[in-house]
Amino acid sequence: MLKLLLILSLFSGGTSAAAPAAPGKAAPGKAAAPAKPPPPAAKYTRYDMESFTCEIPGTWELKRDTKKEMTTKIRKLELSGPRAENAPVIIYAAQYRKGNTTFSDHKDFIARNSKNILGETESDTEKFSPVKETSLAGKQAFEFDSEIKEYLHPESKSDASVMIKEKFYVIPAKDGFFVLHYYSPASAFDKNLPVFNKLVATFKPL
């Protein structure tokens, strides 16, 4: 009889402990830990064209006309940001291939964009910086800026205008040349300049 009681006590003690929780599940009586929120979406994304790659802001509007590129021999990526002073804020990344319909070479582009039609670098409504030689993506490049007064409604008699600041990088290449171009009202230029600088820093000809 004593032996039977000992055996029964051993079996009853084994059933008093709670069963362990299954892996990945909370123990009974305990609230599950809140799930971690998903990581935020990337602010910039990589964009690949036939002849170059760069990182672009995910919130800016992207435009590209591939049919026009075939006829003009100009591959152009256009990025539109928030408008300011009723004027657009735009970043262009483009390749002007040999035989394009607009410029004969990179020197022609620089000559026509670093001064006004009279060949002046400064007037009452325009100002152009000197062209500086630099390097970009390990290649020779040219840099210059401009500040030009533009009328918002040139087709009307309105005098409404805005000062536009522009920044250019021109990179000669075997098949023509590349242009990185930032266009913005002066009041928003510094605010969006980091976006342009990010594209410039990640630009890589292919």
N, C-alpha and C. Protein backbone atom coordinates (compact mmCIF):
# COMPACT_ATOMS: atom_id res chain seq x y z
N MET A 1 0.83 -1.21 0.00
CA MET A 1 0.00 0.00 0.00
C MET A 1 0.87 1.26 0.00
N LEU A 2 1.92 1.27 0.80
CA LEU A 2 2.83 2.41 0.85
C LEU A 2 3.50 2.64 -0.49
N LYS A 3 3.86 1.55 -1.15
CA LYS A 3 4.51 1.65 -2.46
C LYS A 3 3.56 2.27 -3.48
N LEU A 4 2.27 1.92 -3.45
CA LEU A 4 1.28 2.44 -4.38
C LEU A 4 1.09 3.95 -4.20
N LEU A 5 1.08 4.40 -2.91
CA LEU A 5 0.92 5.83 -2.64
C LEU A 5 2.09 6.64 -3.17
N LEU A 6 3.29 6.10 -3.04
CA LEU A 6 4.47 6.78 -3.56
C LEU A 6 4.41 6.94 -5.08
N ILE A 7 3.98 5.93 -5.76
CA ILE A 7 3.88 5.98 -7.24
C ILE A 7 2.87 7.02 -7.66
N LEU A 8 1.70 7.06 -6.96
CA LEU A 8 0.65 8.02 -7.32
C LEU A 8 1.12 9.47 -7.10
N SER A 9 1.88 9.71 -6.02
CA SER A 9 2.35 11.06 -5.74
C SER A 9 3.34 11.55 -6.78
N LEU A 10 4.14 10.68 -7.34
CA LEU A 10 5.09 11.06 -8.38
C LEU A 10 4.36 11.50 -9.64
N PHE A 11 3.34 10.78 -10.04
CA PHE A 11 2.59 11.11 -11.25
C PHE A 11 1.78 12.39 -11.08
N SER A 12 1.20 12.63 -9.91
CA SER A 12 0.41 13.86 -9.69
C SER A 12 1.28 15.09 -9.69
N GLY A 13 2.53 15.05 -9.23
CA GLY A 13 3.45 16.20 -9.23
C GLY A 13 3.89 16.57 -10.62
N GLY A 14 3.95 15.62 -11.55
CA GLY A 14 4.40 15.90 -12.93
C GLY A 14 3.39 16.67 -13.73
N THR A 15 2.13 16.65 -13.30
CA THR A 15 1.10 17.32 -14.09
C THR A 15 0.78 18.71 -13.59
N SER A 16 1.42 19.17 -12.51
CA SER A 16 1.09 20.49 -11.94
C SER A 16 1.75 21.64 -12.68
N ALA A 17 2.90 21.43 -13.41
CA ALA A 17 3.60 22.51 -14.12
C ALA A 17 2.87 22.87 -15.39
N ALA A 18 2.84 24.18 -15.74
CA ALA A 18 2.18 24.63 -16.98
C ALA A 18 3.01 24.25 -18.18
N ALA A 19 2.35 23.93 -19.27
CA ALA A 19 3.04 23.58 -20.51
C ALA A 19 3.74 24.80 -21.08
N PRO A 20 4.96 24.65 -21.60
CA PRO A 20 5.67 25.81 -22.16
C PRO A 20 4.97 26.35 -23.39
N ALA A 21 5.09 27.65 -23.60
CA ALA A 21 4.46 28.28 -24.77
C ALA A 21 5.15 27.81 -26.03
N ALA A 22 4.38 27.69 -27.11
CA ALA A 22 4.93 27.27 -28.39
C ALA A 22 5.86 28.34 -28.91
N PRO A 23 6.90 27.95 -29.64
CA PRO A 23 7.83 28.95 -30.18
C PRO A 23 7.10 30.00 -31.00
N GLY A 24 7.44 31.28 -30.79
CA GLY A 24 6.84 32.36 -31.57
C GLY A 24 5.51 32.83 -31.03
N LYS A 25 4.99 32.21 -29.95
CA LYS A 25 3.72 32.63 -29.39
C LYS A 25 3.90 33.11 -27.97
N ALA A 26 3.04 34.03 -27.55
CA ALA A 26 3.11 34.54 -26.18
C ALA A 26 2.62 33.49 -25.21
N ALA A 27 3.21 33.49 -24.01
CA ALA A 27 2.76 32.57 -22.99
C ALA A 27 1.35 32.92 -22.57
N PRO A 28 0.54 31.90 -22.12
CA PRO A 28 -0.85 32.17 -21.70
C PRO A 28 -0.89 33.26 -20.65
N GLY A 29 -1.83 34.17 -20.80
CA GLY A 29 -1.99 35.24 -19.82
C GLY A 29 -1.13 36.45 -20.08
N LYS A 30 -0.23 36.44 -21.10
CA LYS A 30 0.64 37.56 -21.40
C LYS A 30 0.30 38.14 -22.77
N ALA A 31 0.26 39.45 -22.88
CA ALA A 31 -0.07 40.10 -24.15
C ALA A 31 1.11 40.00 -25.11
N ALA A 32 0.80 39.79 -26.39
CA ALA A 32 1.86 39.69 -27.40
C ALA A 32 2.50 41.05 -27.61
N ALA A 33 3.80 41.07 -27.87
CA ALA A 33 4.52 42.32 -28.11
C ALA A 33 4.04 42.94 -29.41
N PRO A 34 3.87 44.27 -29.47
CA PRO A 34 3.40 44.92 -30.71
C PRO A 34 4.39 44.71 -31.85
N ALA A 35 3.84 44.53 -33.06
CA ALA A 35 4.69 44.31 -34.23
C ALA A 35 5.45 45.59 -34.58
N LYS A 36 6.66 45.44 -35.08
CA LYS A 36 7.46 46.59 -35.47
C LYS A 36 6.89 47.22 -36.73
N PRO A 37 6.84 48.54 -36.82
CA PRO A 37 6.32 49.17 -38.04
C PRO A 37 7.25 48.92 -39.21
N PRO A 38 6.71 48.90 -40.44
CA PRO A 38 7.57 48.68 -41.61
C PRO A 38 8.54 49.83 -41.78
N PRO A 39 9.71 49.58 -42.37
CA PRO A 39 10.67 50.65 -42.57
C PRO A 39 10.11 51.71 -43.51
N PRO A 40 10.48 52.99 -43.33
CA PRO A 40 9.96 54.04 -44.20
C PRO A 40 10.44 53.86 -45.63
N ALA A 41 9.63 54.33 -46.57
CA ALA A 41 9.99 54.22 -47.99
C ALA A 41 11.23 55.05 -48.27
N ALA A 42 12.05 54.59 -49.18
CA ALA A 42 13.28 55.30 -49.53
C ALA A 42 12.93 56.66 -50.13
N LYS A 43 13.68 57.68 -49.74
CA LYS A 43 13.43 59.02 -50.25
C LYS A 43 13.90 59.13 -51.69
N TYR A 44 14.97 58.45 -52.03
CA TYR A 44 15.51 58.48 -53.39
C TYR A 44 15.53 57.07 -53.96
N THR A 45 15.35 56.99 -55.27
CA THR A 45 15.40 55.70 -55.95
C THR A 45 16.35 55.80 -57.14
N ARG A 46 16.94 54.69 -57.48
CA ARG A 46 17.86 54.67 -58.62
C ARG A 46 17.05 54.64 -59.92
N TYR A 47 17.51 55.43 -60.89
CA TYR A 47 16.86 55.46 -62.21
C TYR A 47 17.92 55.20 -63.27
N ASP A 48 17.66 54.23 -64.11
CA ASP A 48 18.61 53.85 -65.16
C ASP A 48 18.08 54.24 -66.52
N MET A 49 18.88 54.99 -67.27
CA MET A 49 18.59 55.27 -68.67
C MET A 49 19.58 54.50 -69.53
N GLU A 50 19.45 54.63 -70.83
CA GLU A 50 20.32 53.86 -71.72
C GLU A 50 21.79 54.25 -71.57
N SER A 51 22.05 55.50 -71.22
CA SER A 51 23.43 55.98 -71.21
C SER A 51 23.91 56.52 -69.87
N PHE A 52 23.04 56.55 -68.86
CA PHE A 52 23.49 57.00 -67.54
C PHE A 52 22.53 56.50 -66.46
N THR A 53 23.00 56.58 -65.23
CA THR A 53 22.18 56.22 -64.08
C THR A 53 22.34 57.30 -63.01
N CYS A 54 21.33 57.48 -62.17
CA CYS A 54 21.39 58.46 -61.09
C CYS A 54 20.28 58.15 -60.09
N GLU A 55 20.30 58.82 -58.96
CA GLU A 55 19.24 58.67 -57.96
C GLU A 55 18.33 59.89 -58.02
N ILE A 56 17.02 59.61 -57.99
CA ILE A 56 16.03 60.68 -58.13
C ILE A 56 15.08 60.68 -56.94
N PRO A 57 14.48 61.84 -56.61
CA PRO A 57 13.55 61.90 -55.48
C PRO A 57 12.24 61.19 -55.81
N GLY A 58 11.79 60.34 -54.91
CA GLY A 58 10.59 59.56 -55.16
C GLY A 58 9.32 60.39 -55.20
N THR A 59 9.33 61.59 -54.62
CA THR A 59 8.12 62.40 -54.55
C THR A 59 7.99 63.39 -55.70
N TRP A 60 9.02 63.53 -56.53
CA TRP A 60 8.96 64.46 -57.66
C TRP A 60 8.36 63.76 -58.88
N GLU A 61 7.69 64.55 -59.72
CA GLU A 61 7.08 63.99 -60.93
C GLU A 61 8.14 63.76 -62.00
N LEU A 62 8.11 62.58 -62.60
CA LEU A 62 9.07 62.20 -63.63
C LEU A 62 8.41 62.23 -65.00
N LYS A 63 9.10 62.86 -65.96
CA LYS A 63 8.60 62.90 -67.33
C LYS A 63 9.72 62.50 -68.29
N ARG A 64 9.31 61.76 -69.33
CA ARG A 64 10.26 61.40 -70.38
C ARG A 64 9.49 61.09 -71.66
N ASP A 65 9.94 61.64 -72.78
CA ASP A 65 9.29 61.42 -74.07
C ASP A 65 10.23 60.60 -74.95
N THR A 66 10.10 59.29 -74.91
CA THR A 66 11.02 58.42 -75.63
C THR A 66 10.87 58.53 -77.15
N LYS A 67 9.66 58.84 -77.63
CA LYS A 67 9.47 59.00 -79.08
C LYS A 67 10.22 60.23 -79.58
N LYS A 68 10.13 61.32 -78.83
CA LYS A 68 10.84 62.54 -79.20
C LYS A 68 12.35 62.33 -79.15
N GLU A 69 12.80 61.55 -78.19
CA GLU A 69 14.23 61.27 -78.05
C GLU A 69 14.79 60.61 -79.30
N MET A 70 14.00 59.79 -79.95
CA MET A 70 14.45 59.08 -81.15
C MET A 70 14.72 60.06 -82.29
N THR A 71 13.88 61.08 -82.42
CA THR A 71 14.02 62.01 -83.54
C THR A 71 15.02 63.13 -83.26
N THR A 72 15.13 63.54 -81.99
CA THR A 72 16.03 64.66 -81.64
C THR A 72 17.44 64.20 -81.26
N LYS A 73 17.58 62.91 -80.95
CA LYS A 73 18.85 62.36 -80.42
C LYS A 73 19.24 63.03 -79.11
N ILE A 74 18.21 63.38 -78.33
CA ILE A 74 18.42 63.96 -77.00
C ILE A 74 17.66 63.10 -76.01
N ARG A 75 18.38 62.38 -75.15
CA ARG A 75 17.74 61.59 -74.10
C ARG A 75 17.61 62.48 -72.88
N LYS A 76 16.38 62.73 -72.45
CA LYS A 76 16.19 63.71 -71.37
C LYS A 76 15.23 63.19 -70.31
N LEU A 77 15.70 63.29 -69.06
CA LEU A 77 14.88 62.99 -67.90
C LEU A 77 14.50 64.30 -67.25
N GLU A 78 13.20 64.53 -67.04
CA GLU A 78 12.71 65.76 -66.43
C GLU A 78 12.03 65.45 -65.11
N LEU A 79 12.46 66.13 -64.05
CA LEU A 79 11.89 65.94 -62.72
C LEU A 79 11.29 67.26 -62.25
N SER A 80 10.00 67.24 -61.90
CA SER A 80 9.30 68.45 -61.46
C SER A 80 9.00 68.38 -59.97
N GLY A 81 9.46 69.40 -59.24
CA GLY A 81 9.21 69.47 -57.80
C GLY A 81 8.09 70.45 -57.48
N PRO A 82 7.93 70.79 -56.22
CA PRO A 82 6.88 71.75 -55.81
C PRO A 82 7.10 73.11 -56.45
N ARG A 83 6.07 73.70 -57.01
CA ARG A 83 6.18 75.01 -57.63
C ARG A 83 6.40 76.10 -56.59
N ALA A 84 6.96 77.21 -57.03
CA ALA A 84 7.19 78.36 -56.15
C ALA A 84 6.99 79.63 -56.94
N GLU A 85 6.32 80.60 -56.35
CA GLU A 85 6.07 81.89 -57.01
C GLU A 85 5.41 81.71 -58.38
N ASN A 86 4.48 80.75 -58.48
CA ASN A 86 3.77 80.46 -59.74
C ASN A 86 4.70 80.04 -60.87
N ALA A 87 5.85 79.51 -60.51
CA ALA A 87 6.82 79.06 -61.52
C ALA A 87 7.28 77.64 -61.18
N PRO A 88 7.72 76.89 -62.18
CA PRO A 88 8.13 75.51 -61.92
C PRO A 88 9.50 75.39 -61.28
N VAL A 89 9.73 74.28 -60.61
CA VAL A 89 11.04 73.88 -60.11
C VAL A 89 11.38 72.57 -60.82
N ILE A 90 12.44 72.58 -61.62
CA ILE A 90 12.72 71.44 -62.51
C ILE A 90 14.20 71.06 -62.45
N ILE A 91 14.44 69.76 -62.52
CA ILE A 91 15.78 69.22 -62.68
C ILE A 91 15.79 68.39 -63.95
N TYR A 92 16.79 68.64 -64.79
CA TYR A 92 16.96 67.87 -66.03
C TYR A 92 18.27 67.08 -65.95
N ALA A 93 18.22 65.86 -66.46
CA ALA A 93 19.42 65.07 -66.68
C ALA A 93 19.32 64.56 -68.11
N ALA A 94 20.27 64.94 -68.95
CA ALA A 94 20.12 64.67 -70.38
C ALA A 94 21.44 64.28 -71.04
N GLN A 95 21.31 63.54 -72.12
CA GLN A 95 22.44 63.27 -73.00
C GLN A 95 22.11 63.83 -74.38
N TYR A 96 22.94 64.73 -74.87
CA TYR A 96 22.83 65.26 -76.22
C TYR A 96 23.79 64.44 -77.08
N ARG A 97 23.23 63.53 -77.86
CA ARG A 97 24.07 62.63 -78.65
C ARG A 97 24.60 63.35 -79.90
N LYS A 98 25.63 62.79 -80.49
CA LYS A 98 26.18 63.37 -81.72
C LYS A 98 25.09 63.44 -82.78
N GLY A 99 25.02 64.58 -83.46
CA GLY A 99 23.99 64.76 -84.48
C GLY A 99 22.65 65.18 -83.93
N ASN A 100 22.59 65.61 -82.65
CA ASN A 100 21.31 66.04 -82.09
C ASN A 100 20.84 67.32 -82.79
N THR A 101 19.55 67.61 -82.63
CA THR A 101 18.93 68.69 -83.40
C THR A 101 19.13 70.09 -82.81
N THR A 102 19.84 70.21 -81.69
CA THR A 102 19.93 71.51 -81.01
C THR A 102 21.34 72.09 -80.91
N PHE A 103 22.31 71.28 -80.49
CA PHE A 103 23.67 71.78 -80.28
C PHE A 103 24.69 70.92 -81.02
N SER A 104 25.72 71.59 -81.55
CA SER A 104 26.73 70.85 -82.30
C SER A 104 27.65 70.05 -81.38
N ASP A 105 27.97 70.61 -80.21
CA ASP A 105 28.80 69.91 -79.23
C ASP A 105 28.67 70.61 -77.89
N HIS A 106 29.44 70.14 -76.89
CA HIS A 106 29.32 70.73 -75.55
C HIS A 106 29.76 72.18 -75.51
N LYS A 107 30.71 72.56 -76.36
CA LYS A 107 31.15 73.95 -76.40
C LYS A 107 30.04 74.86 -76.89
N ASP A 108 29.28 74.39 -77.86
CA ASP A 108 28.15 75.17 -78.37
C ASP A 108 27.10 75.34 -77.28
N PHE A 109 26.82 74.29 -76.53
CA PHE A 109 25.84 74.39 -75.43
C PHE A 109 26.29 75.42 -74.39
N ILE A 110 27.55 75.34 -73.99
CA ILE A 110 28.07 76.27 -72.97
C ILE A 110 28.03 77.70 -73.48
N ALA A 111 28.43 77.91 -74.72
CA ALA A 111 28.46 79.27 -75.28
C ALA A 111 27.06 79.89 -75.31
N ARG A 112 26.05 79.10 -75.58
CA ARG A 112 24.70 79.62 -75.73
C ARG A 112 23.91 79.70 -74.42
N ASN A 113 24.46 79.11 -73.37
CA ASN A 113 23.76 79.15 -72.09
C ASN A 113 24.50 79.91 -71.00
N SER A 114 25.73 80.33 -71.28
CA SER A 114 26.52 81.05 -70.27
C SER A 114 26.59 82.55 -70.55
N LYS A 115 25.78 83.02 -71.50
CA LYS A 115 25.68 84.46 -71.81
C LYS A 115 24.37 84.70 -72.53
N ASN A 116 23.97 85.96 -72.64
CA ASN A 116 22.71 86.26 -73.34
C ASN A 116 22.94 86.33 -74.85
N ILE A 117 21.87 86.64 -75.59
CA ILE A 117 21.96 86.61 -77.05
C ILE A 117 22.90 87.68 -77.60
N LEU A 118 23.21 88.68 -76.78
CA LEU A 118 24.15 89.73 -77.20
C LEU A 118 25.59 89.39 -76.82
N GLY A 119 25.77 88.25 -76.19
CA GLY A 119 27.12 87.85 -75.77
C GLY A 119 27.53 88.44 -74.45
N GLU A 120 26.57 89.03 -73.72
CA GLU A 120 26.88 89.66 -72.43
C GLU A 120 26.72 88.65 -71.29
N THR A 121 27.51 88.83 -70.25
CA THR A 121 27.38 87.99 -69.07
C THR A 121 26.63 88.70 -67.94
N GLU A 122 26.26 89.95 -68.18
CA GLU A 122 25.48 90.68 -67.17
C GLU A 122 24.71 91.81 -67.82
N SER A 123 23.45 91.96 -67.41
CA SER A 123 22.61 93.07 -67.86
C SER A 123 21.66 93.42 -66.72
N ASP A 124 20.67 94.27 -66.99
CA ASP A 124 19.72 94.67 -65.95
C ASP A 124 18.88 93.50 -65.46
N THR A 125 18.68 92.51 -66.31
CA THR A 125 17.78 91.39 -65.96
C THR A 125 18.48 90.03 -65.98
N GLU A 126 19.78 90.00 -66.25
CA GLU A 126 20.49 88.72 -66.38
C GLU A 126 21.88 88.79 -65.76
N LYS A 127 22.31 87.66 -65.23
CA LYS A 127 23.66 87.57 -64.69
C LYS A 127 24.14 86.13 -64.83
N PHE A 128 25.33 85.99 -65.41
CA PHE A 128 25.91 84.66 -65.64
C PHE A 128 27.26 84.56 -64.95
N SER A 129 27.50 83.45 -64.30
CA SER A 129 28.78 83.25 -63.63
C SER A 129 29.84 82.82 -64.64
N PRO A 130 31.11 82.94 -64.31
CA PRO A 130 32.16 82.39 -65.18
C PRO A 130 32.02 80.87 -65.27
N VAL A 131 32.43 80.31 -66.40
CA VAL A 131 32.43 78.85 -66.57
C VAL A 131 33.67 78.29 -65.90
N LYS A 132 33.48 77.34 -64.99
CA LYS A 132 34.60 76.74 -64.26
C LYS A 132 34.77 75.28 -64.68
N GLU A 133 36.02 74.88 -64.86
CA GLU A 133 36.29 73.48 -65.16
C GLU A 133 36.35 72.71 -63.85
N THR A 134 35.71 71.54 -63.81
CA THR A 134 35.67 70.71 -62.62
C THR A 134 35.68 69.24 -63.04
N SER A 135 35.35 68.35 -62.15
CA SER A 135 35.24 66.92 -62.48
C SER A 135 33.96 66.38 -61.88
N LEU A 136 33.36 65.42 -62.57
CA LEU A 136 32.11 64.83 -62.11
C LEU A 136 32.09 63.38 -62.56
N ALA A 137 31.84 62.48 -61.64
CA ALA A 137 31.85 61.04 -61.91
C ALA A 137 33.19 60.60 -62.51
N GLY A 138 34.27 61.27 -62.06
CA GLY A 138 35.60 60.92 -62.54
C GLY A 138 35.91 61.41 -63.94
N LYS A 139 35.07 62.31 -64.47
CA LYS A 139 35.27 62.82 -65.82
C LYS A 139 35.35 64.34 -65.82
N GLN A 140 35.98 64.88 -66.86
CA GLN A 140 36.05 66.34 -67.02
C GLN A 140 34.64 66.90 -67.14
N ALA A 141 34.40 68.03 -66.48
CA ALA A 141 33.09 68.66 -66.54
C ALA A 141 33.25 70.17 -66.45
N PHE A 142 32.18 70.87 -66.80
CA PHE A 142 32.16 72.34 -66.74
C PHE A 142 30.92 72.77 -65.95
N GLU A 143 31.10 73.79 -65.11
CA GLU A 143 30.05 74.23 -64.20
C GLU A 143 29.83 75.74 -64.35
N PHE A 144 28.58 76.15 -64.38
CA PHE A 144 28.27 77.58 -64.38
C PHE A 144 26.83 77.80 -63.90
N ASP A 145 26.55 79.05 -63.47
CA ASP A 145 25.24 79.42 -62.94
C ASP A 145 24.70 80.62 -63.71
N SER A 146 23.40 80.84 -63.54
CA SER A 146 22.80 82.05 -64.11
C SER A 146 21.63 82.49 -63.25
N GLU A 147 21.29 83.77 -63.36
CA GLU A 147 20.13 84.34 -62.68
C GLU A 147 19.45 85.29 -63.67
N ILE A 148 18.22 84.96 -64.02
CA ILE A 148 17.54 85.67 -65.10
C ILE A 148 16.11 86.04 -64.67
N LYS A 149 15.72 87.27 -64.98
CA LYS A 149 14.35 87.70 -64.73
C LYS A 149 13.46 87.19 -65.86
N GLU A 150 12.42 86.43 -65.49
CA GLU A 150 11.50 85.90 -66.49
C GLU A 150 10.09 86.37 -66.19
N TYR A 151 9.36 86.72 -67.25
CA TYR A 151 7.97 87.16 -67.10
C TYR A 151 7.07 85.93 -67.06
N LEU A 152 6.12 85.95 -66.14
CA LEU A 152 5.24 84.80 -65.96
C LEU A 152 4.22 84.67 -67.07
N HIS A 153 3.85 85.80 -67.68
CA HIS A 153 2.84 85.77 -68.75
C HIS A 153 3.35 86.59 -69.94
N PRO A 154 4.36 86.09 -70.63
CA PRO A 154 4.96 86.88 -71.72
C PRO A 154 4.00 87.15 -72.89
N GLU A 155 2.93 86.35 -72.99
CA GLU A 155 1.99 86.55 -74.09
C GLU A 155 0.99 87.66 -73.80
N SER A 156 1.00 88.19 -72.56
CA SER A 156 0.06 89.25 -72.18
C SER A 156 0.82 90.53 -71.83
N LYS A 157 0.09 91.54 -71.38
CA LYS A 157 0.70 92.80 -70.98
C LYS A 157 1.09 92.82 -69.50
N SER A 158 0.94 91.70 -68.84
CA SER A 158 1.24 91.63 -67.42
C SER A 158 2.74 91.81 -67.15
N ASP A 159 3.05 92.54 -66.08
CA ASP A 159 4.45 92.74 -65.68
C ASP A 159 4.91 91.74 -64.63
N ALA A 160 4.04 90.78 -64.30
CA ALA A 160 4.38 89.79 -63.28
C ALA A 160 5.62 89.01 -63.70
N SER A 161 6.60 88.96 -62.82
CA SER A 161 7.86 88.31 -63.17
C SER A 161 8.43 87.58 -61.96
N VAL A 162 9.46 86.79 -62.20
CA VAL A 162 10.13 86.05 -61.14
C VAL A 162 11.61 85.92 -61.52
N MET A 163 12.47 85.96 -60.52
CA MET A 163 13.89 85.74 -60.76
C MET A 163 14.16 84.23 -60.74
N ILE A 164 14.72 83.74 -61.82
CA ILE A 164 15.02 82.32 -61.97
C ILE A 164 16.52 82.10 -61.81
N LYS A 165 16.89 81.16 -60.95
CA LYS A 165 18.29 80.77 -60.80
C LYS A 165 18.48 79.40 -61.44
N GLU A 166 19.60 79.25 -62.14
CA GLU A 166 19.90 77.99 -62.80
C GLU A 166 21.34 77.56 -62.49
N LYS A 167 21.53 76.26 -62.47
CA LYS A 167 22.87 75.70 -62.28
C LYS A 167 23.06 74.59 -63.31
N PHE A 168 24.24 74.59 -63.95
CA PHE A 168 24.53 73.63 -65.02
C PHE A 168 25.82 72.87 -64.74
N TYR A 169 25.80 71.59 -65.10
CA TYR A 169 27.02 70.80 -65.23
C TYR A 169 27.00 70.20 -66.63
N VAL A 170 28.09 70.36 -67.35
CA VAL A 170 28.20 69.83 -68.71
C VAL A 170 29.39 68.87 -68.74
N ILE A 171 29.14 67.64 -69.19
CA ILE A 171 30.17 66.60 -69.20
C ILE A 171 30.38 66.09 -70.62
N PRO A 172 31.52 66.39 -71.24
CA PRO A 172 31.79 65.86 -72.59
C PRO A 172 31.85 64.34 -72.57
N ALA A 173 31.44 63.71 -73.67
CA ALA A 173 31.44 62.25 -73.77
C ALA A 173 31.77 61.84 -75.20
N LYS A 174 32.00 60.54 -75.41
CA LYS A 174 32.32 60.05 -76.75
C LYS A 174 31.15 60.27 -77.69
N ASP A 175 29.94 60.01 -77.19
CA ASP A 175 28.75 60.22 -78.01
C ASP A 175 28.05 61.49 -77.55
N GLY A 176 28.62 62.64 -77.89
CA GLY A 176 28.01 63.91 -77.53
C GLY A 176 28.44 64.41 -76.16
N PHE A 177 27.45 64.74 -75.32
CA PHE A 177 27.75 65.27 -73.98
C PHE A 177 26.52 65.13 -73.10
N PHE A 178 26.77 65.19 -71.78
CA PHE A 178 25.70 65.13 -70.79
C PHE A 178 25.50 66.51 -70.17
N VAL A 179 24.25 66.79 -69.76
CA VAL A 179 23.94 68.04 -69.07
C VAL A 179 23.07 67.74 -67.85
N LEU A 180 23.47 68.26 -66.70
CA LEU A 180 22.67 68.24 -65.49
C LEU A 180 22.28 69.68 -65.21
N HIS A 181 20.99 69.95 -65.12
CA HIS A 181 20.49 71.32 -65.14
C HIS A 181 19.43 71.49 -64.06
N TYR A 182 19.60 72.48 -63.22
CA TYR A 182 18.64 72.80 -62.16
C TYR A 182 18.04 74.17 -62.43
N TYR A 183 16.71 74.24 -62.45
CA TYR A 183 15.97 75.47 -62.77
C TYR A 183 14.98 75.73 -61.64
N SER A 184 15.06 76.92 -61.01
CA SER A 184 14.19 77.19 -59.88
C SER A 184 14.02 78.69 -59.66
N PRO A 185 12.85 79.12 -59.18
CA PRO A 185 12.74 80.49 -58.70
C PRO A 185 13.77 80.73 -57.61
N ALA A 186 14.33 81.92 -57.55
CA ALA A 186 15.41 82.22 -56.60
C ALA A 186 14.99 81.94 -55.16
N SER A 187 13.72 82.19 -54.83
CA SER A 187 13.25 82.02 -53.46
C SER A 187 13.27 80.55 -53.01
N ALA A 188 13.22 79.61 -53.95
CA ALA A 188 13.19 78.18 -53.61
C ALA A 188 14.47 77.47 -54.00
N PHE A 189 15.44 78.20 -54.51
CA PHE A 189 16.66 77.58 -55.04
C PHE A 189 17.42 76.81 -53.96
N ASP A 190 17.71 77.47 -52.84
CA ASP A 190 18.49 76.82 -51.78
C ASP A 190 17.72 75.65 -51.15
N LYS A 191 16.41 75.77 -51.06
CA LYS A 191 15.60 74.72 -50.44
C LYS A 191 15.70 73.40 -51.20
N ASN A 192 15.69 73.48 -52.52
CA ASN A 192 15.70 72.27 -53.34
C ASN A 192 17.08 71.91 -53.90
N LEU A 193 18.08 72.73 -53.61
CA LEU A 193 19.43 72.45 -54.10
C LEU A 193 19.95 71.09 -53.64
N PRO A 194 19.68 70.64 -52.39
CA PRO A 194 20.16 69.31 -51.99
C PRO A 194 19.62 68.18 -52.86
N VAL A 195 18.44 68.34 -53.41
CA VAL A 195 17.88 67.33 -54.30
C VAL A 195 18.72 67.25 -55.57
N PHE A 196 19.05 68.40 -56.12
CA PHE A 196 19.90 68.43 -57.31
C PHE A 196 21.29 67.88 -57.00
N ASN A 197 21.84 68.27 -55.86
CA ASN A 197 23.18 67.79 -55.48
C ASN A 197 23.21 66.28 -55.31
N LYS A 198 22.11 65.70 -54.84
CA LYS A 198 22.03 64.24 -54.70
C LYS A 198 22.08 63.57 -56.06
N LEU A 199 21.33 64.13 -57.03
CA LEU A 199 21.37 63.57 -58.38
C LEU A 199 22.77 63.69 -58.97
N VAL A 200 23.40 64.84 -58.78
CA VAL A 200 24.74 65.07 -59.31
C VAL A 200 25.74 64.08 -58.69
N ALA A 201 25.66 63.89 -57.37
CA ALA A 201 26.59 63.01 -56.66
C ALA A 201 26.46 61.55 -57.07
N THR A 202 25.26 61.16 -57.51
CA THR A 202 25.03 59.76 -57.87
C THR A 202 25.01 59.53 -59.38
N PHE A 203 25.21 60.61 -60.15
CA PHE A 203 25.19 60.49 -61.61
C PHE A 203 26.40 59.68 -62.10
N LYS A 204 26.13 58.75 -63.01
CA LYS A 204 27.20 57.90 -63.55
C LYS A 204 26.92 57.59 -65.01
N PRO A 205 27.76 58.09 -65.93
CA PRO A 205 27.59 57.72 -67.34
C PRO A 205 27.85 56.22 -67.53
N LEU A 206 27.13 55.61 -68.46
CA LEU A 206 27.28 54.17 -68.72
C LEU A 206 28.01 53.94 -70.04
